[in-house]
PDB file of N, CA and C in Angstrom:
ATOM      1  N   MET A   1      94.557 112.342  90.583  1.00  0.00           N
ATOM      2  CA  MET A   1      93.342 111.763  91.097  1.00  0.00           C
ATOM      3  C   MET A   1      93.555 111.435  92.582  1.00  0.00           C
ATOM      4  N   ASN A   2      92.522 111.615  93.370  1.00  0.00           N
ATOM      5  CA  ASN A   2      92.628 111.464  94.813  1.00  0.00           C
ATOM      6  C   ASN A   2      91.984 110.155  95.294  1.00  0.00           C
ATOM      7  N   PHE A   3      92.723 109.395  96.115  1.00  0.00           N
ATOM      8  CA  PHE A   3      92.222 108.172  96.744  1.00  0.00           C
ATOM      9  C   PHE A   3      92.563 108.226  98.222  1.00  0.00           C
ATOM     10  N   ASP A   4      91.553 108.123  99.063  1.00  0.00           N
ATOM     11  CA  ASP A   4      91.725 108.161 100.528  1.00  0.00           C
ATOM     12  C   ASP A   4      92.555 109.365 100.987  1.00  0.00           C
ATOM     13  N   GLY A   5      92.308 110.518 100.365  1.00  0.00           N
ATOM     14  CA  GLY A   5      92.969 111.742 100.783  1.00  0.00           C
ATOM     15  C   GLY A   5      94.386 111.923 100.270  1.00  0.00           C
ATOM     16  N   VAL A   6      94.835 111.059  99.367  1.00  0.00           N
ATOM     17  CA  VAL A   6      96.193 111.150  98.822  1.00  0.00           C
ATOM     18  C   VAL A   6      96.101 111.301  97.304  1.00  0.00           C
ATOM     19  N   GLU A   7      96.927 112.160  96.747  1.00  0.00           N
ATOM     20  CA  GLU A   7      96.929 112.414  95.309  1.00  0.00           C
ATOM     21  C   GLU A   7      97.820 111.406  94.574  1.00  0.00           C
ATOM     22  N   TYR A   8      97.302 110.857  93.464  1.00  0.00           N
ATOM     23  CA  TYR A   8      98.034 109.921  92.614  1.00  0.00           C
ATOM     24  C   TYR A   8      97.964 110.402  91.174  1.00  0.00           C
ATOM     25  N   SER A   9      99.004 110.080  90.402  1.00  0.00           N
ATOM     26  CA  SER A   9      98.985 110.358  88.969  1.00  0.00           C
ATOM     27  C   SER A   9      99.380 109.094  88.212  1.00  0.00           C
ATOM     28  N   PHE A  10      99.101 109.105  86.922  1.00  0.00           N
ATOM     29  CA  PHE A  10      99.269 107.906  86.097  1.00  0.00           C
ATOM     30  C   PHE A  10     100.035 108.264  84.835  1.00  0.00           C
ATOM     31  N   LEU A  11     100.803 107.291  84.335  1.00  0.00           N
ATOM     32  CA  LEU A  11     101.600 107.493  83.139  1.00  0.00           C
ATOM     33  C   LEU A  11     101.672 106.188  82.367  1.00  0.00           C
ATOM     34  N   VAL A  12     101.441 106.243  81.060  1.00  0.00           N
ATOM     35  CA  VAL A  12     101.643 105.085  80.195  1.00  0.00           C
ATOM     36  C   VAL A  12     103.040 105.218  79.611  1.00  0.00           C
ATOM     37  N   ALA A  13     103.860 104.163  79.774  1.00  0.00           N
ATOM     38  CA  ALA A  13     105.256 104.213  79.347  1.00  0.00           C
ATOM     39  C   ALA A  13     105.606 102.992  78.515  1.00  0.00           C
ATOM     40  N   SER A  14     106.248 103.229  77.392  1.00  0.00           N
ATOM     41  CA  SER A  14     106.682 102.147  76.509  1.00  0.00           C
ATOM     42  C   SER A  14     108.053 101.645  76.942  1.00  0.00           C
ATOM     43  N   ASP A  15     108.231 100.340  76.923  1.00  0.00           N
ATOM     44  CA  ASP A  15     109.527  99.734  77.224  1.00  0.00           C
ATOM     45  C   ASP A  15     109.744  98.586  76.244  1.00  0.00           C
ATOM     46  N   VAL A  16     110.093  98.926  75.015  1.00  0.00           N
ATOM     47  CA  VAL A  16     110.258  97.901  73.985  1.00  0.00           C
ATOM     48  C   VAL A  16     111.677  97.355  73.938  1.00  0.00           C
ATOM     49  N   HIS A  17     112.642  98.060  74.519  1.00  0.00           N
ATOM     50  CA  HIS A  17     114.037  97.632  74.448  1.00  0.00           C
ATOM     51  C   HIS A  17     114.414  96.646  75.548  1.00  0.00           C
ATOM     52  N   LEU A  18     114.004  96.901  76.778  1.00  0.00           N
ATOM     53  CA  LEU A  18     114.401  96.043  77.889  1.00  0.00           C
ATOM     54  C   LEU A  18     113.384  94.951  78.212  1.00  0.00           C
ATOM     55  N   ARG A  19     112.083  95.308  78.218  1.00  0.00           N
ATOM     56  CA  ARG A  19     111.075  94.346  78.667  1.00  0.00           C
ATOM     57  C   ARG A  19     110.035  93.994  77.611  1.00  0.00           C
ATOM     58  N   ASP A  20     110.061  94.594  76.460  1.00  0.00           N
ATOM     59  CA  ASP A  20     109.155  94.290  75.352  1.00  0.00           C
ATOM     60  C   ASP A  20     107.689  94.426  75.746  1.00  0.00           C
ATOM     61  N   GLY A  21     107.299  95.649  76.076  1.00  0.00           N
ATOM     62  CA  GLY A  21     105.900  95.854  76.436  1.00  0.00           C
ATOM     63  C   GLY A  21     105.586  97.298  76.753  1.00  0.00           C
ATOM     64  N   LEU A  22     104.481  97.463  77.453  1.00  0.00           N
ATOM     65  CA  LEU A  22     103.947  98.778  77.778  1.00  0.00           C
ATOM     66  C   LEU A  22     103.518  98.784  79.239  1.00  0.00           C
ATOM     67  N   GLY A  23     103.857  99.846  79.962  1.00  0.00           N
ATOM     68  CA  GLY A  23     103.534  99.917  81.377  1.00  0.00           C
ATOM     69  C   GLY A  23     102.560 101.026  81.708  1.00  0.00           C
ATOM     70  N   PHE A  24     101.707 100.781  82.697  1.00  0.00           N
ATOM     71  CA  PHE A  24     100.810 101.783  83.267  1.00  0.00           C
ATOM     72  C   PHE A  24     101.348 102.060  84.666  1.00  0.00           C
ATOM     73  N   GLU A  25     101.995 103.204  84.837  1.00  0.00           N
ATOM     74  CA  GLU A  25     102.686 103.524  86.084  1.00  0.00           C
ATOM     75  C   GLU A  25     101.822 104.408  86.980  1.00  0.00           C
ATOM     76  N   VAL A  26     101.927 104.176  88.288  1.00  0.00           N
ATOM     77  CA  VAL A  26     101.162 104.940  89.275  1.00  0.00           C
ATOM     78  C   VAL A  26     102.145 105.631  90.228  1.00  0.00           C
ATOM     79  N   TYR A  27     101.967 106.937  90.396  1.00  0.00           N
ATOM     80  CA  TYR A  27     102.822 107.733  91.278  1.00  0.00           C
ATOM     81  C   TYR A  27     101.986 108.358  92.389  1.00  0.00           C
ATOM     82  N   ARG A  28     102.525 108.312  93.606  1.00  0.00           N
ATOM     83  CA  ARG A  28     101.881 108.947  94.758  1.00  0.00           C
ATOM     84  C   ARG A  28     102.581 110.278  95.021  1.00  0.00           C
ATOM     85  N   HIS A  29     101.767 111.292  95.280  1.00  0.00           N
ATOM     86  CA  HIS A  29     102.303 112.629  95.546  1.00  0.00           C
ATOM     87  C   HIS A  29     102.030 112.979  97.004  1.00  0.00           C
ATOM     88  N   SER A  30     103.082 113.012  97.789  1.00  0.00           N
ATOM     89  CA  SER A  30     102.967 113.479  99.176  1.00  0.00           C
ATOM     90  C   SER A  30     104.116 114.462  99.381  1.00  0.00           C
ATOM     91  N   ASP A  31     105.118 114.098 100.155  1.00  0.00           N
ATOM     92  CA  ASP A  31     106.291 114.967 100.298  1.00  0.00           C
ATOM     93  C   ASP A  31     107.096 115.000  99.003  1.00  0.00           C
ATOM     94  N   LYS A  32     107.054 113.876  98.275  1.00  0.00           N
ATOM     95  CA  LYS A  32     107.760 113.763  97.001  1.00  0.00           C
ATOM     96  C   LYS A  32     106.952 112.865  96.079  1.00  0.00           C
ATOM     97  N   LYS A  33     107.312 112.846  94.821  1.00  0.00           N
ATOM     98  CA  LYS A  33     106.657 111.969  93.849  1.00  0.00           C
ATOM     99  C   LYS A  33     107.291 110.587  93.966  1.00  0.00           C
ATOM    100  N   GLU A  34     106.449 109.556  94.211  1.00  0.00           N
ATOM    101  CA  GLU A  34     106.955 108.209  94.477  1.00  0.00           C
ATOM    102  C   GLU A  34     106.254 107.196  93.563  1.00  0.00           C
ATOM    103  N   PHE A  35     107.036 106.373  92.861  1.00  0.00           N
ATOM    104  CA  PHE A  35     106.543 105.312  91.990  1.00  0.00           C
ATOM    105  C   PHE A  35     106.050 104.173  92.885  1.00  0.00           C
ATOM    106  N   VAL A  36     104.727 103.891  92.882  1.00  0.00           N
ATOM    107  CA  VAL A  36     104.175 102.948  93.857  1.00  0.00           C
ATOM    108  C   VAL A  36     103.600 101.675  93.259  1.00  0.00           C
ATOM    109  N   LEU A  37     103.201 101.696  91.977  1.00  0.00           N
ATOM    110  CA  LEU A  37     102.492 100.558  91.399  1.00  0.00           C
ATOM    111  C   LEU A  37     102.653 100.585  89.886  1.00  0.00           C
ATOM    112  N   GLU A  38     102.721  99.392  89.287  1.00  0.00           N
ATOM    113  CA  GLU A  38     102.781  99.311  87.830  1.00  0.00           C
ATOM    114  C   GLU A  38     102.003  98.092  87.351  1.00  0.00           C
ATOM    115  N   VAL A  39     101.263  98.287  86.269  1.00  0.00           N
ATOM    116  CA  VAL A  39     100.688  97.172  85.517  1.00  0.00           C
ATOM    117  C   VAL A  39     101.452  97.163  84.206  1.00  0.00           C
ATOM    118  N   PHE A  40     102.070  96.017  83.888  1.00  0.00           N
ATOM    119  CA  PHE A  40     102.902  95.916  82.699  1.00  0.00           C
ATOM    120  C   PHE A  40     102.318  94.897  81.740  1.00  0.00           C
ATOM    121  N   ARG A  41     102.151  95.313  80.482  1.00  0.00           N
ATOM    122  CA  ARG A  41     101.717  94.393  79.429  1.00  0.00           C
ATOM    123  C   ARG A  41     102.978  93.835  78.786  1.00  0.00           C
ATOM    124  N   ASP A  42     103.276  92.564  79.102  1.00  0.00           N
ATOM    125  CA  ASP A  42     104.479  91.904  78.603  1.00  0.00           C
ATOM    126  C   ASP A  42     104.152  91.224  77.288  1.00  0.00           C
ATOM    127  N   ASP A  43     104.565  91.849  76.181  1.00  0.00           N
ATOM    128  CA  ASP A  43     104.242  91.315  74.861  1.00  0.00           C
ATOM    129  C   ASP A  43     105.027  90.049  74.544  1.00  0.00           C
ATOM    130  N   GLY A  44     106.175  89.857  75.158  1.00  0.00           N
ATOM    131  CA  GLY A  44     106.961  88.644  74.947  1.00  0.00           C
ATOM    132  C   GLY A  44     106.316  87.421  75.577  1.00  0.00           C
ATOM    133  N   LYS A  45     105.763  87.589  76.770  1.00  0.00           N
ATOM    134  CA  LYS A  45     105.140  86.484  77.511  1.00  0.00           C
ATOM    135  C   LYS A  45     103.626  86.443  77.356  1.00  0.00           C
ATOM    136  N   LEU A  46     103.065  87.453  76.684  1.00  0.00           N
ATOM    137  CA  LEU A  46     101.614  87.564  76.479  1.00  0.00           C
ATOM    138  C   LEU A  46     100.850  87.506  77.801  1.00  0.00           C
ATOM    139  N   GLN A  47     101.281  88.351  78.743  1.00  0.00           N
ATOM    140  CA  GLN A  47     100.604  88.421  80.039  1.00  0.00           C
ATOM    141  C   GLN A  47     100.711  89.820  80.627  1.00  0.00           C
ATOM    142  N   TYR A  48      99.780  90.117  81.513  1.00  0.00           N
ATOM    143  CA  TYR A  48      99.818  91.360  82.282  1.00  0.00           C
ATOM    144  C   TYR A  48     100.417  91.040  83.646  1.00  0.00           C
ATOM    145  N   VAL A  49     101.312  91.895  84.121  1.00  0.00           N
ATOM    146  CA  VAL A  49     101.984  91.678  85.399  1.00  0.00           C
ATOM    147  C   VAL A  49     101.794  92.920  86.265  1.00  0.00           C
ATOM    148  N   VAL A  50     101.457  92.726  87.534  1.00  0.00           N
ATOM    149  CA  VAL A  50     101.293  93.830  88.482  1.00  0.00           C
ATOM    150  C   VAL A  50     102.461  93.813  89.461  1.00  0.00           C
ATOM    151  N   SER A  51     103.092  94.963  89.637  1.00  0.00           N
ATOM    152  CA  SER A  51     104.167  95.120  90.618  1.00  0.00           C
ATOM    153  C   SER A  51     103.795  96.247  91.562  1.00  0.00           C
ATOM    154  N   GLN A  52     103.784  95.944  92.863  1.00  0.00           N
ATOM    155  CA  GLN A  52     103.482  96.941  93.893  1.00  0.00           C
ATOM    156  C   GLN A  52     104.772  97.210  94.654  1.00  0.00           C
ATOM    157  N   PHE A  53     105.202  98.473  94.685  1.00  0.00           N
ATOM    158  CA  PHE A  53     106.500  98.832  95.241  1.00  0.00           C
ATOM    159  C   PHE A  53     106.447  99.365  96.670  1.00  0.00           C
ATOM    160  N   VAL A  54     105.245  99.621  97.175  1.00  0.00           N
ATOM    161  CA  VAL A  54     105.066 100.069  98.554  1.00  0.00           C
ATOM    162  C   VAL A  54     103.890  99.304  99.164  1.00  0.00           C
ATOM    163  N   PRO A  55     103.873  99.112 100.479  1.00  0.00           N
ATOM    164  CA  PRO A  55     102.754  98.395 101.101  1.00  0.00           C
ATOM    165  C   PRO A  55     101.532  99.296 101.301  1.00  0.00           C
ATOM    166  N   GLN A  56     100.428  98.667 101.549  1.00  0.00           N
ATOM    167  CA  GLN A  56      99.193  99.298 102.014  1.00  0.00           C
ATOM    168  C   GLN A  56      98.661 100.400 101.095  1.00  0.00           C
ATOM    169  N   LEU A  57      98.458 100.058  99.823  1.00  0.00           N
ATOM    170  CA  LEU A  57      97.788 100.983  98.915  1.00  0.00           C
ATOM    171  C   LEU A  57      96.286 100.797  99.048  1.00  0.00           C
ATOM    172  N   PRO A  58      95.512 101.855  98.871  1.00  0.00           N
ATOM    173  CA  PRO A  58      94.055 101.742  98.999  1.00  0.00           C
ATOM    174  C   PRO A  58      93.472 100.793  97.934  1.00  0.00           C
ATOM    175  N   LEU A  59      92.530  99.959  98.346  1.00  0.00           N
ATOM    176  CA  LEU A  59      91.875  99.045  97.419  1.00  0.00           C
ATOM    177  C   LEU A  59      91.183  99.812  96.296  1.00  0.00           C
ATOM    178  N   SER A  60      90.615 100.967  96.617  1.00  0.00           N
ATOM    179  CA  SER A  60      89.948 101.773  95.582  1.00  0.00           C
ATOM    180  C   SER A  60      90.930 102.188  94.492  1.00  0.00           C
ATOM    181  N   LEU A  61      92.176 102.469  94.837  1.00  0.00           N
ATOM    182  CA  LEU A  61      93.206 102.797  93.854  1.00  0.00           C
ATOM    183  C   LEU A  61      93.513 101.586  92.983  1.00  0.00           C
ATOM    184  N   ILE A  62      93.707 100.442  93.595  1.00  0.00           N
ATOM    185  CA  ILE A  62      94.046  99.220  92.861  1.00  0.00           C
ATOM    186  C   ILE A  62      92.913  98.828  91.922  1.00  0.00           C
ATOM    187  N   GLU A  63      91.677  98.945  92.381  1.00  0.00           N
ATOM    188  CA  GLU A  63      90.524  98.640  91.519  1.00  0.00           C
ATOM    189  C   GLU A  63      90.471  99.585  90.319  1.00  0.00           C
ATOM    190  N   HIS A  64      90.707 100.851  90.565  1.00  0.00           N
ATOM    191  CA  HIS A  64      90.708 101.837  89.482  1.00  0.00           C
ATOM    192  C   HIS A  64      91.827 101.529  88.480  1.00  0.00           C
ATOM    193  N   VAL A  65      93.005 101.265  88.984  1.00  0.00           N
ATOM    194  CA  VAL A  65      94.157 101.003  88.126  1.00  0.00           C
ATOM    195  C   VAL A  65      93.930  99.746  87.281  1.00  0.00           C
ATOM    196  N   ALA A  66      93.383  98.693  87.866  1.00  0.00           N
ATOM    197  CA  ALA A  66      93.138  97.458  87.115  1.00  0.00           C
ATOM    198  C   ALA A  66      92.212  97.712  85.930  1.00  0.00           C
ATOM    199  N   LYS A  67      91.183  98.481  86.142  1.00  0.00           N
ATOM    200  CA  LYS A  67      90.218  98.774  85.078  1.00  0.00           C
ATOM    201  C   LYS A  67      90.825  99.664  83.996  1.00  0.00           C
ATOM    202  N   VAL A  68      91.435 100.751  84.406  1.00  0.00           N
ATOM    203  CA  VAL A  68      91.965 101.721  83.460  1.00  0.00           C
ATOM    204  C   VAL A  68      93.196 101.178  82.727  1.00  0.00           C
ATOM    205  N   ALA A  69      94.034 100.438  83.417  1.00  0.00           N
ATOM    206  CA  ALA A  69      95.248  99.908  82.786  1.00  0.00           C
ATOM    207  C   ALA A  69      94.906  98.985  81.625  1.00  0.00           C
ATOM    208  N   ARG A  70      93.918  98.124  81.776  1.00  0.00           N
ATOM    209  CA  ARG A  70      93.511  97.242  80.664  1.00  0.00           C
ATOM    210  C   ARG A  70      93.071  98.045  79.455  1.00  0.00           C
ATOM    211  N   GLU A  71      92.317  99.106  79.701  1.00  0.00           N
ATOM    212  CA  GLU A  71      91.854  99.968  78.602  1.00  0.00           C
ATOM    213  C   GLU A  71      93.026 100.697  77.949  1.00  0.00           C
ATOM    214  N   GLU A  72      93.909 101.255  78.757  1.00  0.00           N
ATOM    215  CA  GLU A  72      95.043 102.050  78.253  1.00  0.00           C
ATOM    216  C   GLU A  72      96.112 101.200  77.577  1.00  0.00           C
ATOM    217  N   LEU A  73      96.378 100.020  78.112  1.00  0.00           N
ATOM    218  CA  LEU A  73      97.444  99.180  77.574  1.00  0.00           C
ATOM    219  C   LEU A  73      97.005  98.390  76.349  1.00  0.00           C
ATOM    220  N   GLY A  74      95.714  98.127  76.239  1.00  0.00           N
ATOM    221  CA  GLY A  74      95.198  97.428  75.077  1.00  0.00           C
ATOM    222  C   GLY A  74      95.641  95.977  75.016  1.00  0.00           C
ATOM    223  N   GLY A  75      95.476  95.392  73.831  1.00  0.00           N
ATOM    224  CA  GLY A  75      95.819  93.986  73.622  1.00  0.00           C
ATOM    225  C   GLY A  75      97.295  93.804  73.337  1.00  0.00           C
ATOM    226  N   PHE A  76      97.681  92.548  73.228  1.00  0.00           N
ATOM    227  CA  PHE A  76      99.075  92.217  73.001  1.00  0.00           C
ATOM    228  C   PHE A  76      99.497  92.490  71.565  1.00  0.00           C
ATOM    229  N   VAL A  77     100.771  92.860  71.409  1.00  0.00           N
ATOM    230  CA  VAL A  77     101.335  93.118  70.089  1.00  0.00           C
ATOM    231  C   VAL A  77     102.106  91.874  69.669  1.00  0.00           C
ATOM    232  N   ALA A  78     101.775  91.326  68.531  1.00  0.00           N
ATOM    233  CA  ALA A  78     102.441  90.103  68.065  1.00  0.00           C
ATOM    234  C   ALA A  78     103.757  90.396  67.399  1.00  0.00           C
TER     235      ALA A  78
END
């Protein structure tokens, strides 16, 4: 998906062994594939956590990710 002329891709990843939850990962494709943003559903703490690994991401990307990540990650697992 393209935001401000840059291509991004998304991946849902399970992490039940180390962090007890599910992540929605965002990768930027330019010269190389770069992990830039994650929304993590922490089932142990019952909260969603956002981690941004690079500065100055487009607001349109962040808005899209916030909406889609909630849908993709679903509710907490007890």
